[in-house]
Amino acid sequence: MPIMKDLPLVPAERALKVIGGRWKVYVLYWLFEGPLRLSELRRKIPDVSQKVLVQQLREMESHGVVHREVFAEVPPRVVYSATTLGKSLEPLVDALCAWGKRHADALKGLDAPSVKARAERPRTAHRRSA
């Protein structure tokens, strides 16, 4: 599939563009373990909407890191998998996860107040006026 979006020429910026996005690292993480259907990915990443997940998968497919296979069945079955190029990102994703853990540990005292404040914030009910 041709790359539909122009990618930056600077290599690091290009890499960030390909894996950047709220859910792309999650998708890659699960696809490194093997092919999955959309519904399986949704179960593994419950906070993502189907619309956004499909958008992220299409972007990754257009960048050559995810393969989408449609089986001629009724109903049609679609399976997503990491391509060879996509699998080559596994060490990078592992390194990002390790760095994120070190960063969280180093800033443990700094993140805590904002996380605690969000957890204590009361939820308001949205009511329709009659």
C-alpha atoms as a PDB file:
ATOM      1  CA  MET A   1       0.000   0.000   0.000  1.00  0.00           C
ATOM      2  CA  PRO A   2       1.433   3.436  -0.859  1.00  0.00           C
ATOM      3  CA  ILE A   3       2.213   5.848   1.936  1.00  0.00           C
ATOM      4  CA  MET A   4      -0.697   8.275   1.848  1.00  0.00           C
ATOM      5  CA  LYS A   5       0.636  10.958   4.187  1.00  0.00           C
ATOM      6  CA  ASP A   6       3.841  12.880   3.686  1.00  0.00           C
ATOM      7  CA  LEU A   7       6.344  11.894   6.330  1.00  0.00           C
ATOM      8  CA  PRO A   8       9.087  14.185   7.651  1.00  0.00           C
ATOM      9  CA  LEU A   9      12.595  13.794   6.258  1.00  0.00           C
ATOM     10  CA  VAL A  10      14.303  14.025   9.679  1.00  0.00           C
ATOM     11  CA  PRO A  11      14.592  10.361  10.786  1.00  0.00           C
ATOM     12  CA  ALA A  12      13.667  10.852  14.469  1.00  0.00           C
ATOM     13  CA  GLU A  13      10.705  13.053  13.544  1.00  0.00           C
ATOM     14  CA  ARG A  14       9.625  10.465  10.977  1.00  0.00           C
ATOM     15  CA  ALA A  15       9.712   7.680  13.574  1.00  0.00           C
ATOM     16  CA  LEU A  16       7.693   9.763  16.019  1.00  0.00           C
ATOM     17  CA  LYS A  17       5.139  10.537  13.318  1.00  0.00           C
ATOM     18  CA  VAL A  18       4.695   6.821  12.549  1.00  0.00           C
ATOM     19  CA  ILE A  19       4.276   5.697  16.182  1.00  0.00           C
ATOM     20  CA  GLY A  20       2.915   8.966  17.584  1.00  0.00           C
ATOM     21  CA  GLY A  21      -0.719   8.945  18.522  1.00  0.00           C
ATOM     22  CA  ARG A  22      -2.554   8.151  21.709  1.00  0.00           C
ATOM     23  CA  TRP A  23      -3.193   4.480  20.898  1.00  0.00           C
ATOM     24  CA  LYS A  24      -0.552   3.398  18.363  1.00  0.00           C
ATOM     25  CA  VAL A  25       1.923   2.076  20.923  1.00  0.00           C
ATOM     26  CA  TYR A  26      -0.856   0.076  22.594  1.00  0.00           C
ATOM     27  CA  VAL A  27      -1.866  -1.403  19.230  1.00  0.00           C
ATOM     28  CA  LEU A  28       1.710  -2.303  18.354  1.00  0.00           C
ATOM     29  CA  TYR A  29       2.297  -3.810  21.798  1.00  0.00           C
ATOM     30  CA  TRP A  30      -0.604  -6.230  21.323  1.00  0.00           C
ATOM     31  CA  LEU A  31       0.157  -6.958  17.666  1.00  0.00           C
ATOM     32  CA  PHE A  32       3.740  -7.915  18.580  1.00  0.00           C
ATOM     33  CA  GLU A  33       2.143 -10.938  20.304  1.00  0.00           C
ATOM     34  CA  GLY A  34       0.294 -11.973  17.148  1.00  0.00           C
ATOM     35  CA  PRO A  35      -2.554 -11.141  14.749  1.00  0.00           C
ATOM     36  CA  LEU A  36      -5.789  -9.814  16.224  1.00  0.00           C
ATOM     37  CA  ARG A  37      -9.256  -8.894  15.028  1.00  0.00           C
ATOM     38  CA  LEU A  38     -10.605  -5.398  15.643  1.00  0.00           C
ATOM     39  CA  SER A  39     -12.933  -6.634  18.385  1.00  0.00           C
ATOM     40  CA  GLU A  40     -10.003  -8.327  20.151  1.00  0.00           C
ATOM     41  CA  LEU A  41      -7.979  -5.104  20.028  1.00  0.00           C
ATOM     42  CA  ARG A  42     -10.967  -3.193  21.445  1.00  0.00           C
ATOM     43  CA  ARG A  43     -11.150  -5.632  24.380  1.00  0.00           C
ATOM     44  CA  LYS A  44      -7.436  -5.265  25.040  1.00  0.00           C
ATOM     45  CA  ILE A  45      -7.593  -1.442  24.781  1.00  0.00           C
ATOM     46  CA  PRO A  46     -11.003  -0.680  26.337  1.00  0.00           C
ATOM     47  CA  ASP A  47     -10.586   3.119  26.592  1.00  0.00           C
ATOM     48  CA  VAL A  48     -10.274   3.691  22.829  1.00  0.00           C
ATOM     49  CA  SER A  49     -13.341   4.279  20.677  1.00  0.00           C
ATOM     50  CA  GLN A  50     -13.807   2.102  17.615  1.00  0.00           C
ATOM     51  CA  LYS A  51     -13.602   5.166  15.339  1.00  0.00           C
ATOM     52  CA  VAL A  52     -10.236   6.274  16.732  1.00  0.00           C
ATOM     53  CA  LEU A  53      -8.859   2.735  16.779  1.00  0.00           C
ATOM     54  CA  VAL A  54      -9.764   2.256  13.113  1.00  0.00           C
ATOM     55  CA  GLN A  55      -8.166   5.630  12.240  1.00  0.00           C
ATOM     56  CA  GLN A  56      -4.949   4.697  14.034  1.00  0.00           C
ATOM     57  CA  LEU A  57      -4.872   1.263  12.371  1.00  0.00           C
ATOM     58  CA  ARG A  58      -5.366   2.836   8.932  1.00  0.00           C
ATOM     59  CA  GLU A  59      -2.540   5.308   9.548  1.00  0.00           C
ATOM     60  CA  MET A  60      -0.229   2.516  10.662  1.00  0.00           C
ATOM     61  CA  GLU A  61      -1.259   0.452   7.640  1.00  0.00           C
ATOM     62  CA  SER A  62      -0.490   3.379   5.331  1.00  0.00           C
ATOM     63  CA  HIS A  63       2.942   3.702   6.972  1.00  0.00           C
ATOM     64  CA  GLY A  64       3.675   0.025   6.416  1.00  0.00           C
ATOM     65  CA  VAL A  65       3.816  -1.105  10.054  1.00  0.00           C
ATOM     66  CA  VAL A  66       0.437  -2.895  10.202  1.00  0.00           C
ATOM     67  CA  HIS A  67      -1.058  -5.353   7.728  1.00  0.00           C
ATOM     68  CA  ARG A  68      -4.835  -5.674   7.328  1.00  0.00           C
ATOM     69  CA  GLU A  69      -6.092  -8.978   5.956  1.00  0.00           C
ATOM     70  CA  VAL A  70      -9.724  -9.409   4.927  1.00  0.00           C
ATOM     71  CA  PHE A  71     -11.044 -12.950   4.693  1.00  0.00           C
ATOM     72  CA  ALA A  72     -13.816 -13.707   2.177  1.00  0.00           C
ATOM     73  CA  GLU A  73     -16.317 -14.997   4.705  1.00  0.00           C
ATOM     74  CA  VAL A  74     -19.821 -14.021   5.730  1.00  0.00           C
ATOM     75  CA  PRO A  75     -19.635 -11.936   7.814  1.00  0.00           C
ATOM     76  CA  PRO A  76     -16.241 -10.695   6.620  1.00  0.00           C
ATOM     77  CA  ARG A  77     -13.376 -11.312   9.014  1.00  0.00           C
ATOM     78  CA  VAL A  78     -10.564  -8.745   9.241  1.00  0.00           C
ATOM     79  CA  VAL A  79      -7.300  -9.512  11.021  1.00  0.00           C
ATOM     80  CA  TYR A  80      -4.539  -7.039  11.819  1.00  0.00           C
ATOM     81  CA  SER A  81      -0.901  -7.971  12.278  1.00  0.00           C
ATOM     82  CA  ALA A  82       2.437  -6.222  12.618  1.00  0.00           C
ATOM     83  CA  THR A  83       4.463  -6.264   9.411  1.00  0.00           C
ATOM     84  CA  THR A  84       8.179  -7.027   9.396  1.00  0.00           C
ATOM     85  CA  LEU A  85       8.764  -3.276   9.448  1.00  0.00           C
ATOM     86  CA  GLY A  86       6.288  -2.963  12.314  1.00  0.00           C
ATOM     87  CA  LYS A  87       7.953  -5.757  14.278  1.00  0.00           C
ATOM     88  CA  SER A  88      11.242  -3.918  13.924  1.00  0.00           C
ATOM     89  CA  LEU A  89       9.704  -1.265  16.222  1.00  0.00           C
ATOM     90  CA  GLU A  90       9.475  -3.708  19.136  1.00  0.00           C
ATOM     91  CA  PRO A  91      12.886  -2.802  20.637  1.00  0.00           C
ATOM     92  CA  LEU A  92      11.985   0.884  20.313  1.00  0.00           C
ATOM     93  CA  VAL A  93       8.624   0.386  22.041  1.00  0.00           C
ATOM     94  CA  ASP A  94      10.329  -1.667  24.782  1.00  0.00           C
ATOM     95  CA  ALA A  95      12.913   1.104  25.258  1.00  0.00           C
ATOM     96  CA  LEU A  96      10.167   3.755  25.434  1.00  0.00           C
ATOM     97  CA  CYS A  97       8.318   1.721  28.072  1.00  0.00           C
ATOM     98  CA  ALA A  98      11.484   1.283  30.144  1.00  0.00           C
ATOM     99  CA  TRP A  99      12.269   5.003  29.882  1.00  0.00           C
ATOM    100  CA  GLY A 100       8.687   5.875  30.848  1.00  0.00           C
ATOM    101  CA  LYS A 101       8.990   3.743  33.999  1.00  0.00           C
ATOM    102  CA  ARG A 102      12.311   5.386  34.929  1.00  0.00           C
ATOM    103  CA  HIS A 103      10.822   8.822  34.276  1.00  0.00           C
ATOM    104  CA  ALA A 104       7.771   8.073  36.444  1.00  0.00           C
ATOM    105  CA  ASP A 105      10.024   6.827  39.258  1.00  0.00           C
ATOM    106  CA  ALA A 106      12.257   9.899  39.014  1.00  0.00           C
ATOM    107  CA  LEU A 107       9.276  12.270  39.156  1.00  0.00           C
ATOM    108  CA  LYS A 108       7.163  10.248  41.560  1.00  0.00           C
ATOM    109  CA  GLY A 109       6.711  13.150  43.961  1.00  0.00           C
ATOM    110  CA  LEU A 110       5.854  15.584  41.192  1.00  0.00           C
ATOM    111  CA  ASP A 111       3.044  13.600  39.487  1.00  0.00           C
ATOM    112  CA  ALA A 112       1.249  12.496  42.617  1.00  0.00           C
ATOM    113  CA  PRO A 113      -0.634  15.728  43.458  1.00  0.00           C
ATOM    114  CA  SER A 114      -2.217  16.071  40.019  1.00  0.00           C
ATOM    115  CA  VAL A 115      -3.224  12.397  39.919  1.00  0.00           C
ATOM    116  CA  LYS A 116      -4.654  12.636  43.426  1.00  0.00           C
ATOM    117  CA  ALA A 117      -6.551  15.835  42.582  1.00  0.00           C
ATOM    118  CA  ARG A 118      -8.148  14.192  39.540  1.00  0.00           C
ATOM    119  CA  ALA A 119      -9.135  11.141  41.575  1.00  0.00           C
ATOM    120  CA  GLU A 120     -10.776  13.305  44.251  1.00  0.00           C
ATOM    121  CA  ARG A 121     -12.619  15.587  41.802  1.00  0.00           C
ATOM    122  CA  PRO A 122     -16.367  14.978  42.131  1.00  0.00           C
ATOM    123  CA  ARG A 123     -18.221  13.884  39.029  1.00  0.00           C
ATOM    124  CA  THR A 124     -21.158  16.034  38.070  1.00  0.00           C
ATOM    125  CA  ALA A 125     -24.330  14.571  36.664  1.00  0.00           C
ATOM    126  CA  HIS A 126     -25.555  16.020  33.407  1.00  0.00           C
ATOM    127  CA  ARG A 127     -29.284  16.580  33.584  1.00  0.00           C
ATOM    128  CA  ARG A 128     -31.670  17.763  30.958  1.00  0.00           C
ATOM    129  CA  SER A 129     -33.813  20.693  31.898  1.00  0.00           C
ATOM    130  CA  ALA A 130     -37.514  19.981  31.636  1.00  0.00           C
END
